[in-house]
């Protein structure tokens, strides 16, 4: 079990797998992480360098936000998709 959050580098096409294992998305920092108290072993393939021993500082500073003119990176697209997914899941349908 982890004592702190552990950052993950999850490719977009594997996000559902990471989520099913218990990973969480931090929209501000634009990354997936293993929450404190969850067994980190199933997430090993997504560890960033030194992630098993390095805690995640969340949330990220606001100054790190992308400007409208910057090129979209995979992490930016992941964040946009996560926000859209959260907005859709929060909606109530009759």
C-alpha atoms as a PDB file:
ATOM      1  CA  UNK A   1       0.000   0.000   0.000  1.00  0.00           C
ATOM      2  CA  UNK A   2       1.291   3.465  -0.843  1.00  0.00           C
ATOM      3  CA  UNK A   3       1.885   6.052   1.854  1.00  0.00           C
ATOM      4  CA  UNK A   4       1.637   8.938  -0.630  1.00  0.00           C
ATOM      5  CA  UNK A   5       0.176   9.503  -4.094  1.00  0.00           C
ATOM      6  CA  UNK A   6       2.363   8.156  -6.915  1.00  0.00           C
ATOM      7  CA  UNK A   7       2.436   9.855 -10.320  1.00  0.00           C
ATOM      8  CA  UNK A   8       1.744   7.745 -13.390  1.00  0.00           C
ATOM      9  CA  UNK A   9       2.372   8.255 -17.105  1.00  0.00           C
ATOM     10  CA  UNK A  10      -0.669   6.553 -18.625  1.00  0.00           C
ATOM     11  CA  UNK A  11      -1.149   6.651 -22.410  1.00  0.00           C
ATOM     12  CA  UNK A  12      -4.617   7.803 -23.410  1.00  0.00           C
ATOM     13  CA  UNK A  13      -5.540   4.422 -24.874  1.00  0.00           C
ATOM     14  CA  UNK A  14      -4.795   2.767 -21.477  1.00  0.00           C
ATOM     15  CA  UNK A  15      -6.657   5.264 -19.265  1.00  0.00           C
ATOM     16  CA  UNK A  16      -9.686   3.010 -18.738  1.00  0.00           C
ATOM     17  CA  UNK A  17      -7.427   0.182 -17.610  1.00  0.00           C
ATOM     18  CA  UNK A  18      -5.640   2.446 -15.109  1.00  0.00           C
ATOM     19  CA  UNK A  19      -8.969   3.817 -13.845  1.00  0.00           C
ATOM     20  CA  UNK A  20     -10.349   0.276 -13.396  1.00  0.00           C
ATOM     21  CA  UNK A  21      -7.328  -0.573 -11.234  1.00  0.00           C
ATOM     22  CA  UNK A  22      -8.020   2.468  -9.028  1.00  0.00           C
ATOM     23  CA  UNK A  23      -5.899   5.228 -10.542  1.00  0.00           C
ATOM     24  CA  UNK A  24      -7.233   8.774 -10.189  1.00  0.00           C
ATOM     25  CA  UNK A  25      -6.982  11.712 -12.623  1.00  0.00           C
ATOM     26  CA  UNK A  26      -5.719  15.065 -11.388  1.00  0.00           C
ATOM     27  CA  UNK A  27      -7.134  17.565 -13.885  1.00  0.00           C
ATOM     28  CA  UNK A  28      -5.083  20.493 -12.590  1.00  0.00           C
ATOM     29  CA  UNK A  29      -1.758  18.642 -12.757  1.00  0.00           C
ATOM     30  CA  UNK A  30      -2.905  16.743 -15.870  1.00  0.00           C
ATOM     31  CA  UNK A  31      -1.733  13.322 -14.778  1.00  0.00           C
ATOM     32  CA  UNK A  32      -2.946  10.022 -13.407  1.00  0.00           C
ATOM     33  CA  UNK A  33      -1.814   8.884  -9.976  1.00  0.00           C
ATOM     34  CA  UNK A  34      -2.084   5.979  -7.553  1.00  0.00           C
ATOM     35  CA  UNK A  35      -3.916   7.320  -4.488  1.00  0.00           C
ATOM     36  CA  UNK A  36      -2.543   6.889  -1.009  1.00  0.00           C
ATOM     37  CA  UNK A  37      -3.470   3.515   0.498  1.00  0.00           C
ATOM     38  CA  UNK A  38      -3.827   1.674  -2.836  1.00  0.00           C
ATOM     39  CA  UNK A  39      -1.508  -1.206  -3.811  1.00  0.00           C
ATOM     40  CA  UNK A  40       0.871   0.326  -6.375  1.00  0.00           C
ATOM     41  CA  UNK A  41       2.151  -2.960  -7.823  1.00  0.00           C
ATOM     42  CA  UNK A  42      -0.472  -3.251 -10.631  1.00  0.00           C
ATOM     43  CA  UNK A  43       0.534   0.225 -11.865  1.00  0.00           C
ATOM     44  CA  UNK A  44       4.272  -0.494 -12.268  1.00  0.00           C
ATOM     45  CA  UNK A  45       4.247  -0.244 -16.077  1.00  0.00           C
ATOM     46  CA  UNK A  46       3.079   3.382 -15.808  1.00  0.00           C
ATOM     47  CA  UNK A  47       5.523   4.607 -13.142  1.00  0.00           C
ATOM     48  CA  UNK A  48       7.468   7.699 -14.050  1.00  0.00           C
ATOM     49  CA  UNK A  49      11.199   7.645 -13.259  1.00  0.00           C
ATOM     50  CA  UNK A  50      11.572   7.253  -9.504  1.00  0.00           C
ATOM     51  CA  UNK A  51       7.797   7.330  -9.016  1.00  0.00           C
ATOM     52  CA  UNK A  52       7.720   4.478  -6.527  1.00  0.00           C
ATOM     53  CA  UNK A  53       9.607   6.611  -4.024  1.00  0.00           C
ATOM     54  CA  UNK A  54       8.578  10.123  -5.079  1.00  0.00           C
ATOM     55  CA  UNK A  55       5.345  11.602  -3.713  1.00  0.00           C
ATOM     56  CA  UNK A  56       3.033  13.532  -5.994  1.00  0.00           C
ATOM     57  CA  UNK A  57       2.533  17.190  -5.216  1.00  0.00           C
ATOM     58  CA  UNK A  58      -1.047  17.973  -6.185  1.00  0.00           C
ATOM     59  CA  UNK A  59      -2.458  20.233  -7.422  1.00  0.00           C
ATOM     60  CA  UNK A  60      -0.055  21.790  -9.926  1.00  0.00           C
ATOM     61  CA  UNK A  61       0.581  25.529  -9.840  1.00  0.00           C
ATOM     62  CA  UNK A  62      -1.778  27.616 -11.966  1.00  0.00           C
ATOM     63  CA  UNK A  63       1.227  29.152 -13.769  1.00  0.00           C
ATOM     64  CA  UNK A  64       1.793  25.809 -15.516  1.00  0.00           C
ATOM     65  CA  UNK A  65      -1.467  26.032 -17.481  1.00  0.00           C
ATOM     66  CA  UNK A  66      -1.107  25.994 -21.250  1.00  0.00           C
ATOM     67  CA  UNK A  67      -1.758  29.161 -23.187  1.00  0.00           C
ATOM     68  CA  UNK A  68      -4.405  29.119 -25.938  1.00  0.00           C
ATOM     69  CA  UNK A  69      -1.688  29.438 -28.583  1.00  0.00           C
ATOM     70  CA  UNK A  70       0.464  26.556 -27.368  1.00  0.00           C
ATOM     71  CA  UNK A  71       0.536  23.227 -29.172  1.00  0.00           C
ATOM     72  CA  UNK A  72      -1.701  20.611 -27.611  1.00  0.00           C
ATOM     73  CA  UNK A  73       0.231  17.775 -25.996  1.00  0.00           C
ATOM     74  CA  UNK A  74      -1.104  14.310 -25.148  1.00  0.00           C
ATOM     75  CA  UNK A  75      -1.473  15.359 -21.506  1.00  0.00           C
ATOM     76  CA  UNK A  76      -3.541  18.392 -22.558  1.00  0.00           C
ATOM     77  CA  UNK A  77      -5.841  16.214 -24.628  1.00  0.00           C
ATOM     78  CA  UNK A  78      -6.146  13.759 -21.723  1.00  0.00           C
ATOM     79  CA  UNK A  79      -7.163  16.622 -19.431  1.00  0.00           C
ATOM     80  CA  UNK A  80      -9.779  17.896 -21.871  1.00  0.00           C
ATOM     81  CA  UNK A  81     -11.207  14.409 -22.288  1.00  0.00           C
ATOM     82  CA  UNK A  82     -11.275  13.868 -18.522  1.00  0.00           C
ATOM     83  CA  UNK A  83     -13.198  17.099 -17.961  1.00  0.00           C
ATOM     84  CA  UNK A  84     -15.686  16.236 -20.696  1.00  0.00           C
ATOM     85  CA  UNK A  85     -16.123  12.752 -19.264  1.00  0.00           C
ATOM     86  CA  UNK A  86     -16.676  14.140 -15.742  1.00  0.00           C
ATOM     87  CA  UNK A  87     -19.222  16.669 -17.019  1.00  0.00           C
ATOM     88  CA  UNK A  88     -21.097  13.955 -18.893  1.00  0.00           C
ATOM     89  CA  UNK A  89     -21.061  11.553 -15.911  1.00  0.00           C
ATOM     90  CA  UNK A  90     -22.403  14.278 -13.589  1.00  0.00           C
ATOM     91  CA  UNK A  91     -25.463  14.851 -15.775  1.00  0.00           C
ATOM     92  CA  UNK A  92     -28.755  13.321 -14.778  1.00  0.00           C
ATOM     93  CA  UNK A  93     -30.851  11.760 -17.487  1.00  0.00           C
ATOM     94  CA  UNK A  94     -34.592  11.195 -17.232  1.00  0.00           C
END
